[in-house]
């Protein structure tokens, strides 16, 4: 039986960060993303939902996105949580039908907490 596991990565300077496109961030969201991007070990663009699978498989550490619809991220919640990762909105709230357009996913809760502080 094949299983997936998110990897531990507590420091943003060691993290592989992914997002679909830097153009998805506007205004304050662009500045918030830049605070994390400038500290990340490596930033990858493109991939869409594939990068969430890379977190669940232990190959990426964090995904930050904006301008999404619930159809873009809600199906990913059980996959990520099943692999030990965490996915929330930018305020750390559980995702649901009434969630907004901003998502933060991380393989390590410490990374998630660090990213939430930088997004604020």
N, C-alpha and C. Protein backbone atom coordinates (compact mmCIF):
# COMPACT_ATOMS: atom_id res chain seq x y z
N UNK A 1 0.84 -1.18 0.00
CA UNK A 1 0.00 0.00 0.00
C UNK A 1 0.88 1.25 0.00
N UNK A 2 0.60 2.16 -0.86
CA UNK A 2 1.34 3.40 -0.98
C UNK A 2 0.71 4.46 -0.09
N UNK A 3 1.55 5.16 0.67
CA UNK A 3 1.03 6.26 1.48
C UNK A 3 1.91 7.48 1.27
N UNK A 4 1.37 8.63 1.58
CA UNK A 4 2.11 9.88 1.45
C UNK A 4 2.28 10.51 2.82
N UNK A 5 3.37 11.26 2.95
CA UNK A 5 3.65 11.94 4.21
C UNK A 5 4.30 13.28 3.91
N UNK A 6 3.76 14.32 4.49
CA UNK A 6 4.39 15.63 4.38
C UNK A 6 5.69 15.60 5.18
N UNK A 7 6.64 16.42 4.79
CA UNK A 7 7.92 16.41 5.51
C UNK A 7 8.00 17.55 6.51
N UNK A 8 8.85 17.36 7.48
CA UNK A 8 9.11 18.39 8.48
C UNK A 8 10.03 19.44 7.88
N UNK A 9 9.69 20.69 8.04
CA UNK A 9 10.52 21.82 7.61
C UNK A 9 10.09 23.02 8.44
N UNK A 10 10.73 23.23 9.59
CA UNK A 10 10.29 24.31 10.48
C UNK A 10 10.78 25.70 10.11
N UNK A 11 11.78 25.82 9.23
CA UNK A 11 12.37 27.12 8.91
C UNK A 11 12.09 27.54 7.47
N UNK A 12 11.58 28.72 7.31
CA UNK A 12 11.21 29.21 5.99
C UNK A 12 12.42 29.33 5.07
N UNK A 13 13.59 29.58 5.61
CA UNK A 13 14.79 29.69 4.80
C UNK A 13 15.20 28.38 4.15
N UNK A 14 14.66 27.27 4.62
CA UNK A 14 14.94 25.95 4.05
C UNK A 14 13.79 25.44 3.20
N UNK A 15 12.73 26.21 3.10
CA UNK A 15 11.49 25.74 2.48
C UNK A 15 11.48 25.87 0.96
N UNK A 16 10.82 24.90 0.34
CA UNK A 16 10.45 25.01 -1.06
C UNK A 16 9.03 25.58 -1.07
N UNK A 17 8.90 26.79 -1.58
CA UNK A 17 7.64 27.52 -1.66
C UNK A 17 7.10 27.41 -3.07
N UNK A 18 5.81 27.24 -3.20
CA UNK A 18 5.20 27.20 -4.53
C UNK A 18 3.93 28.04 -4.57
N UNK A 19 3.67 28.57 -5.76
CA UNK A 19 2.42 29.25 -6.06
C UNK A 19 2.19 29.12 -7.56
N UNK A 20 0.96 29.23 -7.98
CA UNK A 20 0.68 29.11 -9.41
C UNK A 20 1.29 30.24 -10.21
N UNK A 21 1.16 31.47 -9.69
CA UNK A 21 1.67 32.63 -10.41
C UNK A 21 1.80 33.81 -9.45
N UNK A 22 2.87 34.59 -9.56
CA UNK A 22 2.97 35.78 -8.71
C UNK A 22 1.91 36.83 -9.07
N UNK A 23 1.33 36.74 -10.25
CA UNK A 23 0.30 37.70 -10.66
C UNK A 23 -1.04 37.48 -9.96
N UNK A 24 -1.20 36.39 -9.22
CA UNK A 24 -2.46 36.16 -8.53
C UNK A 24 -2.58 37.00 -7.26
N UNK A 25 -1.49 37.66 -6.87
CA UNK A 25 -1.48 38.49 -5.66
C UNK A 25 -1.59 39.96 -6.03
N UNK A 26 -2.57 40.63 -5.46
CA UNK A 26 -2.81 42.05 -5.75
C UNK A 26 -2.76 42.86 -4.45
N UNK A 27 -2.25 44.09 -4.52
CA UNK A 27 -2.25 45.00 -3.39
C UNK A 27 -1.55 44.44 -2.17
N UNK A 28 -2.26 44.46 -1.03
CA UNK A 28 -1.69 43.97 0.23
C UNK A 28 -1.30 42.50 0.15
N UNK A 29 -2.03 41.72 -0.64
CA UNK A 29 -1.71 40.30 -0.79
C UNK A 29 -0.36 40.12 -1.47
N UNK A 30 -0.03 40.99 -2.42
CA UNK A 30 1.27 40.91 -3.09
C UNK A 30 2.40 41.20 -2.10
N UNK A 31 2.21 42.19 -1.26
CA UNK A 31 3.23 42.52 -0.26
C UNK A 31 3.39 41.38 0.74
N UNK A 32 2.28 40.77 1.14
CA UNK A 32 2.33 39.65 2.09
C UNK A 32 3.05 38.46 1.47
N UNK A 33 2.74 38.14 0.22
CA UNK A 33 3.43 37.04 -0.45
C UNK A 33 4.92 37.32 -0.55
N UNK A 34 5.28 38.53 -0.87
CA UNK A 34 6.70 38.89 -1.02
C UNK A 34 7.46 38.73 0.29
N UNK A 35 6.81 39.01 1.42
CA UNK A 35 7.48 38.81 2.71
C UNK A 35 7.91 37.36 2.89
N UNK A 36 7.12 36.44 2.39
CA UNK A 36 7.48 35.02 2.50
C UNK A 36 8.43 34.62 1.37
N UNK A 37 8.13 35.02 0.15
CA UNK A 37 8.97 34.65 -0.98
C UNK A 37 10.42 35.08 -0.77
N UNK A 38 10.62 36.27 -0.23
CA UNK A 38 11.98 36.78 -0.04
C UNK A 38 12.76 36.00 1.01
N UNK A 39 12.08 35.26 1.86
CA UNK A 39 12.74 34.47 2.91
C UNK A 39 12.86 32.99 2.57
N UNK A 40 12.08 32.53 1.61
CA UNK A 40 12.05 31.10 1.27
C UNK A 40 13.37 30.65 0.65
N UNK A 41 13.68 29.38 0.87
CA UNK A 41 14.89 28.82 0.29
C UNK A 41 14.81 28.74 -1.23
N UNK A 42 13.66 28.37 -1.75
CA UNK A 42 13.46 28.21 -3.19
C UNK A 42 11.99 28.47 -3.49
N UNK A 43 11.72 29.24 -4.53
CA UNK A 43 10.34 29.50 -4.94
C UNK A 43 10.10 28.92 -6.32
N UNK A 44 9.03 28.17 -6.45
CA UNK A 44 8.65 27.54 -7.71
C UNK A 44 7.30 28.11 -8.15
N UNK A 45 7.16 28.39 -9.45
CA UNK A 45 5.90 28.90 -10.00
C UNK A 45 5.30 27.87 -10.94
N UNK A 46 3.97 27.90 -11.03
CA UNK A 46 3.24 26.96 -11.88
C UNK A 46 2.88 25.72 -11.07
N UNK A 47 2.19 24.82 -11.69
CA UNK A 47 1.86 23.57 -11.02
C UNK A 47 0.43 23.45 -10.57
N UNK A 48 -0.23 24.56 -10.29
CA UNK A 48 -1.62 24.54 -9.83
C UNK A 48 -1.82 23.50 -8.73
N UNK A 49 -2.78 22.59 -8.88
CA UNK A 49 -3.07 21.64 -7.79
C UNK A 49 -1.95 20.61 -7.60
N UNK A 50 -1.10 20.44 -8.59
CA UNK A 50 0.02 19.50 -8.48
C UNK A 50 0.92 19.82 -7.30
N UNK A 51 1.14 21.12 -7.02
CA UNK A 51 2.05 21.49 -5.94
C UNK A 51 1.50 21.10 -4.57
N UNK A 52 0.18 21.01 -4.44
CA UNK A 52 -0.40 20.53 -3.19
C UNK A 52 -0.08 19.05 -3.01
N UNK A 53 -0.10 18.31 -4.10
CA UNK A 53 0.31 16.91 -4.06
C UNK A 53 1.78 16.76 -3.70
N UNK A 54 2.60 17.72 -4.12
CA UNK A 54 4.02 17.69 -3.76
C UNK A 54 4.21 17.94 -2.27
N UNK A 55 3.37 18.74 -1.67
CA UNK A 55 3.42 18.90 -0.21
C UNK A 55 3.03 17.59 0.46
N UNK A 56 1.93 17.00 0.01
CA UNK A 56 1.46 15.74 0.61
C UNK A 56 2.48 14.62 0.44
N UNK A 57 3.30 14.70 -0.59
CA UNK A 57 4.30 13.67 -0.86
C UNK A 57 5.66 13.98 -0.24
N UNK A 58 5.80 15.14 0.38
CA UNK A 58 7.05 15.49 1.03
C UNK A 58 8.10 16.13 0.13
N UNK A 59 7.71 16.64 -1.03
CA UNK A 59 8.67 17.25 -1.95
C UNK A 59 8.66 18.77 -1.91
N UNK A 60 7.58 19.38 -1.46
CA UNK A 60 7.49 20.83 -1.27
C UNK A 60 7.07 21.08 0.17
N UNK A 61 7.25 22.32 0.62
CA UNK A 61 6.99 22.63 2.02
C UNK A 61 5.82 23.58 2.25
N UNK A 62 5.59 24.48 1.31
CA UNK A 62 4.55 25.50 1.53
C UNK A 62 3.97 25.95 0.19
N UNK A 63 2.66 26.17 0.18
CA UNK A 63 1.96 26.75 -0.97
C UNK A 63 1.16 27.94 -0.46
N UNK A 64 1.29 29.05 -1.14
CA UNK A 64 0.52 30.26 -0.82
C UNK A 64 -0.14 30.70 -2.11
N UNK A 65 -1.48 30.87 -2.04
CA UNK A 65 -2.19 31.30 -3.25
C UNK A 65 -3.31 32.26 -2.88
N UNK A 66 -3.73 33.01 -3.89
CA UNK A 66 -4.84 33.96 -3.78
C UNK A 66 -5.62 33.89 -5.08
N UNK A 67 -6.76 34.56 -5.10
CA UNK A 67 -7.61 34.61 -6.29
C UNK A 67 -8.12 33.22 -6.68
N UNK A 68 -8.42 32.39 -5.69
CA UNK A 68 -8.92 31.04 -5.94
C UNK A 68 -10.41 30.95 -5.66
N UNK A 69 -11.05 29.94 -6.19
CA UNK A 69 -12.42 29.59 -5.85
C UNK A 69 -12.40 28.34 -4.98
N UNK A 70 -13.49 28.07 -4.30
CA UNK A 70 -13.51 26.91 -3.41
C UNK A 70 -13.28 25.60 -4.17
N UNK A 71 -13.65 25.58 -5.44
CA UNK A 71 -13.42 24.37 -6.25
C UNK A 71 -11.93 24.12 -6.46
N UNK A 72 -11.10 25.16 -6.30
CA UNK A 72 -9.65 25.01 -6.47
C UNK A 72 -8.98 24.34 -5.28
N UNK A 73 -9.52 24.52 -4.08
CA UNK A 73 -8.82 24.03 -2.89
C UNK A 73 -9.58 23.07 -1.99
N UNK A 74 -10.89 23.12 -1.93
CA UNK A 74 -11.61 22.23 -1.00
C UNK A 74 -11.36 20.75 -1.26
N UNK A 75 -11.27 20.28 -2.51
CA UNK A 75 -10.98 18.85 -2.72
C UNK A 75 -9.61 18.43 -2.21
N UNK A 76 -8.71 19.39 -2.02
CA UNK A 76 -7.35 19.08 -1.58
C UNK A 76 -7.24 18.91 -0.07
N UNK A 77 -8.21 19.41 0.68
CA UNK A 77 -8.14 19.37 2.15
C UNK A 77 -7.94 17.95 2.68
N UNK A 78 -8.75 16.96 2.32
CA UNK A 78 -8.53 15.63 2.89
C UNK A 78 -7.21 14.98 2.46
N UNK A 79 -6.75 15.30 1.27
CA UNK A 79 -5.48 14.76 0.80
C UNK A 79 -4.33 15.28 1.66
N UNK A 80 -4.29 16.59 1.85
CA UNK A 80 -3.24 17.20 2.65
C UNK A 80 -3.31 16.77 4.12
N UNK A 81 -4.50 16.83 4.69
CA UNK A 81 -4.63 16.45 6.09
C UNK A 81 -4.30 14.97 6.30
N UNK A 82 -4.66 14.13 5.34
CA UNK A 82 -4.34 12.72 5.43
C UNK A 82 -2.84 12.44 5.40
N UNK A 83 -2.08 13.37 4.79
CA UNK A 83 -0.62 13.24 4.72
C UNK A 83 0.07 13.93 5.89
N UNK A 84 -0.72 14.51 6.79
CA UNK A 84 -0.14 15.19 7.95
C UNK A 84 0.15 16.66 7.72
N UNK A 85 -0.28 17.21 6.60
CA UNK A 85 -0.07 18.63 6.29
C UNK A 85 -1.26 19.44 6.83
N UNK A 86 -1.17 20.74 6.68
CA UNK A 86 -2.23 21.64 7.11
C UNK A 86 -2.55 22.61 5.98
N UNK A 87 -3.83 22.91 5.80
CA UNK A 87 -4.27 23.88 4.81
C UNK A 87 -5.39 24.70 5.43
N UNK A 88 -5.23 26.04 5.35
CA UNK A 88 -6.20 26.97 5.94
C UNK A 88 -6.29 28.20 5.03
N UNK A 89 -7.10 29.17 5.47
CA UNK A 89 -7.06 30.46 4.81
C UNK A 89 -5.89 31.25 5.41
N UNK A 90 -5.70 32.48 5.00
CA UNK A 90 -4.56 33.27 5.45
C UNK A 90 -4.68 33.74 6.89
N UNK A 91 -5.83 33.51 7.51
CA UNK A 91 -6.00 33.83 8.93
C UNK A 91 -5.89 32.58 9.80
N UNK A 92 -5.63 31.45 9.18
CA UNK A 92 -5.51 30.20 9.93
C UNK A 92 -6.83 29.49 10.17
N UNK A 93 -7.88 29.95 9.52
CA UNK A 93 -9.21 29.34 9.70
C UNK A 93 -9.39 28.12 8.81
N UNK A 94 -10.16 27.17 9.31
CA UNK A 94 -10.51 25.97 8.56
C UNK A 94 -11.23 26.37 7.28
N UNK A 95 -10.92 25.68 6.20
CA UNK A 95 -11.55 25.98 4.92
C UNK A 95 -12.92 25.34 4.82
N UNK A 96 -13.85 26.06 4.19
CA UNK A 96 -15.21 25.56 4.00
C UNK A 96 -15.87 26.26 2.83
N UNK A 97 -17.14 26.04 2.68
CA UNK A 97 -17.88 26.61 1.54
C UNK A 97 -17.89 28.13 1.53
N UNK A 98 -17.72 28.76 2.71
CA UNK A 98 -17.75 30.21 2.78
C UNK A 98 -16.36 30.84 2.88
N UNK A 99 -15.33 30.06 2.64
CA UNK A 99 -13.96 30.58 2.70
C UNK A 99 -13.71 31.55 1.55
N UNK A 100 -12.74 32.40 1.75
CA UNK A 100 -12.39 33.38 0.73
C UNK A 100 -11.48 32.80 -0.34
N UNK A 101 -10.70 33.67 -0.95
CA UNK A 101 -9.89 33.27 -2.11
C UNK A 101 -8.42 33.03 -1.80
N UNK A 102 -8.01 33.11 -0.52
CA UNK A 102 -6.61 32.98 -0.15
C UNK A 102 -6.38 31.71 0.66
N UNK A 103 -5.35 30.93 0.26
CA UNK A 103 -5.07 29.63 0.87
C UNK A 103 -3.59 29.53 1.23
N UNK A 104 -3.34 28.92 2.38
CA UNK A 104 -1.99 28.63 2.85
C UNK A 104 -1.93 27.15 3.21
N UNK A 105 -1.01 26.43 2.60
CA UNK A 105 -0.82 25.01 2.91
C UNK A 105 0.65 24.80 3.27
N UNK A 106 0.88 23.94 4.25
CA UNK A 106 2.25 23.63 4.65
C UNK A 106 2.33 22.20 5.15
N UNK A 107 3.48 21.60 4.96
CA UNK A 107 3.69 20.25 5.42
C UNK A 107 4.02 20.16 6.89
N UNK A 108 4.39 21.27 7.49
CA UNK A 108 4.82 21.33 8.88
C UNK A 108 4.04 22.44 9.58
N UNK A 109 3.43 22.14 10.70
CA UNK A 109 2.63 23.14 11.44
C UNK A 109 3.50 24.33 11.85
N UNK A 110 4.75 24.11 12.18
CA UNK A 110 5.63 25.22 12.56
C UNK A 110 5.83 26.16 11.38
N UNK A 111 5.97 25.61 10.18
CA UNK A 111 6.10 26.42 8.97
C UNK A 111 4.81 27.20 8.73
N UNK A 112 3.68 26.55 8.90
CA UNK A 112 2.38 27.19 8.72
C UNK A 112 2.24 28.37 9.67
N UNK A 113 2.59 28.16 10.94
CA UNK A 113 2.49 29.24 11.93
C UNK A 113 3.40 30.40 11.57
N UNK A 114 4.62 30.10 11.13
CA UNK A 114 5.57 31.13 10.73
C UNK A 114 5.02 31.92 9.53
N UNK A 115 4.46 31.22 8.57
CA UNK A 115 3.91 31.88 7.39
C UNK A 115 2.71 32.75 7.75
N UNK A 116 1.86 32.28 8.64
CA UNK A 116 0.71 33.09 9.06
C UNK A 116 1.17 34.42 9.65
N UNK A 117 2.21 34.38 10.46
CA UNK A 117 2.73 35.63 11.06
C UNK A 117 3.25 36.57 9.97
N UNK A 118 3.89 36.03 8.94
CA UNK A 118 4.42 36.87 7.87
C UNK A 118 3.32 37.41 6.94
N UNK A 119 2.24 36.67 6.81
CA UNK A 119 1.13 37.11 5.96
C UNK A 119 0.32 38.24 6.61
N UNK A 120 0.33 38.31 7.93
CA UNK A 120 -0.48 39.31 8.66
C UNK A 120 0.01 40.72 8.44
